[in-house]
C-alpha atoms as a PDB file:
ATOM      1  CA  MET A   1      -0.057   0.044  -0.217  1.00  0.00           C
ATOM      2  CA  ASN A   2       1.473   3.405  -1.101  1.00  0.00           C
ATOM      3  CA  VAL A   3      -1.184   6.197   0.124  1.00  0.00           C
ATOM      4  CA  ARG A   4      -0.013   9.674   0.810  1.00  0.00           C
ATOM      5  CA  PRO A   5      -2.697  12.350   2.127  1.00  0.00           C
ATOM      6  CA  LEU A   6      -2.400  15.377   0.568  1.00  0.00           C
ATOM      7  CA  HIS A   7      -2.340  19.046   2.776  1.00  0.00           C
ATOM      8  CA  ASP A   8      -3.638  18.602   6.652  1.00  0.00           C
ATOM      9  CA  ARG A   9      -5.297  15.228   6.046  1.00  0.00           C
ATOM     10  CA  VAL A  10      -4.421  11.827   7.628  1.00  0.00           C
ATOM     11  CA  LEU A  11      -4.636   8.150   7.093  1.00  0.00           C
ATOM     12  CA  VAL A  12      -6.044   6.524  10.355  1.00  0.00           C
ATOM     13  CA  LYS A  13      -6.524   2.676  11.375  1.00  0.00           C
ATOM     14  CA  ARG A  14      -9.074   2.245  13.837  1.00  0.00           C
ATOM     15  CA  ILE A  15      -8.084   0.244  17.041  1.00  0.00           C
ATOM     16  CA  GLU A  16     -10.660  -2.259  17.781  1.00  0.00           C
ATOM     17  CA  GLU A  17     -11.980  -2.892  21.243  1.00  0.00           C
ATOM     18  CA  LYS A  18     -11.349  -5.871  23.095  1.00  0.00           C
ATOM     19  CA  GLU A  19     -14.056  -8.399  23.133  1.00  0.00           C
ATOM     20  CA  VAL A  20     -14.827  -9.152  26.843  1.00  0.00           C
ATOM     21  CA  VAL A  21     -15.311  -6.563  29.399  1.00  0.00           C
ATOM     22  CA  LYS A  22     -14.366  -6.305  32.982  1.00  0.00           C
ATOM     23  CA  GLY A  23     -17.222  -8.396  34.016  1.00  0.00           C
ATOM     24  CA  GLY A  24     -16.578 -11.434  31.758  1.00  0.00           C
ATOM     25  CA  ILE A  25     -19.578 -10.310  29.418  1.00  0.00           C
ATOM     26  CA  ILE A  26     -18.914 -11.194  25.819  1.00  0.00           C
ATOM     27  CA  ILE A  27     -19.985  -8.111  23.529  1.00  0.00           C
ATOM     28  CA  PRO A  28     -21.407  -9.275  20.464  1.00  0.00           C
ATOM     29  CA  ASP A  29     -20.269  -7.599  16.912  1.00  0.00           C
ATOM     30  CA  THR A  30     -23.650  -5.921  16.627  1.00  0.00           C
ATOM     31  CA  ALA A  31     -23.856  -4.530  19.925  1.00  0.00           C
ATOM     32  CA  LYS A  32     -20.297  -2.779  19.509  1.00  0.00           C
ATOM     33  CA  GLU A  33     -19.938   0.720  18.703  1.00  0.00           C
ATOM     34  CA  LYS A  34     -17.075   1.716  16.328  1.00  0.00           C
ATOM     35  CA  PRO A  35     -13.991   2.773  18.359  1.00  0.00           C
ATOM     36  CA  MET A  36     -13.119   6.414  18.291  1.00  0.00           C
ATOM     37  CA  GLU A  37      -9.481   5.614  18.882  1.00  0.00           C
ATOM     38  CA  GLY A  38      -6.908   4.749  16.022  1.00  0.00           C
ATOM     39  CA  GLU A  39      -3.365   5.017  14.797  1.00  0.00           C
ATOM     40  CA  VAL A  40      -2.184   7.341  12.301  1.00  0.00           C
ATOM     41  CA  VAL A  41      -0.867   5.551   9.654  1.00  0.00           C
ATOM     42  CA  ALA A  42       0.531   8.353   7.121  1.00  0.00           C
ATOM     43  CA  ALA A  43       0.144  12.298   7.503  1.00  0.00           C
ATOM     44  CA  GLY A  44       0.229  14.926   4.683  1.00  0.00           C
ATOM     45  CA  PRO A  45       2.716  17.650   4.569  1.00  0.00           C
ATOM     46  CA  GLY A  46       0.465  20.592   5.976  1.00  0.00           C
ATOM     47  CA  LYS A  47      -1.756  23.006   5.437  1.00  0.00           C
ATOM     48  CA  THR A  48      -0.707  26.034   3.290  1.00  0.00           C
ATOM     49  CA  THR A  49      -1.337  29.572   4.922  1.00  0.00           C
ATOM     50  CA  ASP A  50      -2.456  32.830   3.307  1.00  0.00           C
ATOM     51  CA  SER A  51       1.147  33.652   3.516  1.00  0.00           C
ATOM     52  CA  GLY A  52       2.133  30.827   1.141  1.00  0.00           C
ATOM     53  CA  GLN A  53       4.157  28.942   4.178  1.00  0.00           C
ATOM     54  CA  ARG A  54       3.477  25.519   4.870  1.00  0.00           C
ATOM     55  CA  ALA A  55       1.957  24.783   8.291  1.00  0.00           C
ATOM     56  CA  ALA A  56       3.266  21.431  10.140  1.00  0.00           C
ATOM     57  CA  LEU A  57       1.069  18.738  11.271  1.00  0.00           C
ATOM     58  CA  ASP A  58       1.002  18.005  15.186  1.00  0.00           C
ATOM     59  CA  VAL A  59       0.496  14.131  14.474  1.00  0.00           C
ATOM     60  CA  LYS A  60       2.441  11.935  12.665  1.00  0.00           C
ATOM     61  CA  ALA A  61       2.558   8.313  11.794  1.00  0.00           C
ATOM     62  CA  GLY A  62       2.282   6.022  14.698  1.00  0.00           C
ATOM     63  CA  ASP A  63       0.734   8.484  17.132  1.00  0.00           C
ATOM     64  CA  ARG A  64      -2.238   7.013  18.906  1.00  0.00           C
ATOM     65  CA  ILE A  65      -5.528   9.532  18.327  1.00  0.00           C
ATOM     66  CA  LEU A  66      -8.953  10.077  19.577  1.00  0.00           C
ATOM     67  CA  PHE A  67     -11.700  11.481  17.189  1.00  0.00           C
ATOM     68  CA  GLY A  68     -15.325  11.948  16.954  1.00  0.00           C
ATOM     69  CA  LYS A  69     -17.839   9.163  16.428  1.00  0.00           C
ATOM     70  CA  TYR A  70     -18.692  10.576  12.782  1.00  0.00           C
ATOM     71  CA  SER A  71     -15.371  12.045  11.759  1.00  0.00           C
ATOM     72  CA  GLY A  72     -13.788  11.378   8.421  1.00  0.00           C
ATOM     73  CA  THR A  73     -14.166   9.353   5.456  1.00  0.00           C
ATOM     74  CA  GLU A  74     -14.050   5.547   5.578  1.00  0.00           C
ATOM     75  CA  ILE A  75     -12.128   3.924   2.702  1.00  0.00           C
ATOM     76  CA  LYS A  76     -10.741   0.493   2.006  1.00  0.00           C
ATOM     77  CA  ILE A  77      -7.335  -0.629   0.544  1.00  0.00           C
ATOM     78  CA  ASP A  78      -6.108  -3.980   0.238  1.00  0.00           C
ATOM     79  CA  SER A  79      -9.071  -5.141   2.254  1.00  0.00           C
ATOM     80  CA  GLN A  80      -8.170  -2.980   5.305  1.00  0.00           C
ATOM     81  CA  GLU A  81     -10.661  -0.345   6.346  1.00  0.00           C
ATOM     82  CA  TYR A  82      -9.249   3.086   7.203  1.00  0.00           C
ATOM     83  CA  LEU A  83     -10.084   6.617   7.597  1.00  0.00           C
ATOM     84  CA  ILE A  84      -8.992   9.800   5.840  1.00  0.00           C
ATOM     85  CA  MET A  85      -9.726  12.926   8.292  1.00  0.00           C
ATOM     86  CA  ARG A  86      -8.455  16.218   8.449  1.00  0.00           C
ATOM     87  CA  GLU A  87      -6.037  17.260  11.468  1.00  0.00           C
ATOM     88  CA  ASP A  88      -8.905  19.607  13.193  1.00  0.00           C
ATOM     89  CA  GLU A  89     -11.323  16.785  13.545  1.00  0.00           C
ATOM     90  CA  ILE A  90      -8.488  14.829  15.872  1.00  0.00           C
ATOM     91  CA  LEU A  91      -9.641  15.653  19.317  1.00  0.00           C
ATOM     92  CA  ALA A  92      -6.681  14.087  21.189  1.00  0.00           C
ATOM     93  CA  ILE A  93      -3.116  12.138  21.112  1.00  0.00           C
ATOM     94  CA  VAL A  94      -3.164   9.639  23.270  1.00  0.00           C
ATOM     95  CA  GLY A  95       0.393   9.344  25.378  1.00  0.00           C
END
């Protein structure tokens, strides 16, 4: 796979939740919500400002991030699901 996001966009792979919760209850796939945590796979070079300068992104490949439930656009590459979203849709970087 060779995907390079443009401008201030990032390519994100969702991090799936565990099957079993603390009480030992197994949650079926139909009852699960889509995870709002992911790992940045690739990041664009940054947004061009009004003065023509390139503003670098705060995230880089390998960062774990939190994003909104309905953020980004879902795409499928080589039977793997990813999200492409703008940097401003990212809520936080997880330590």
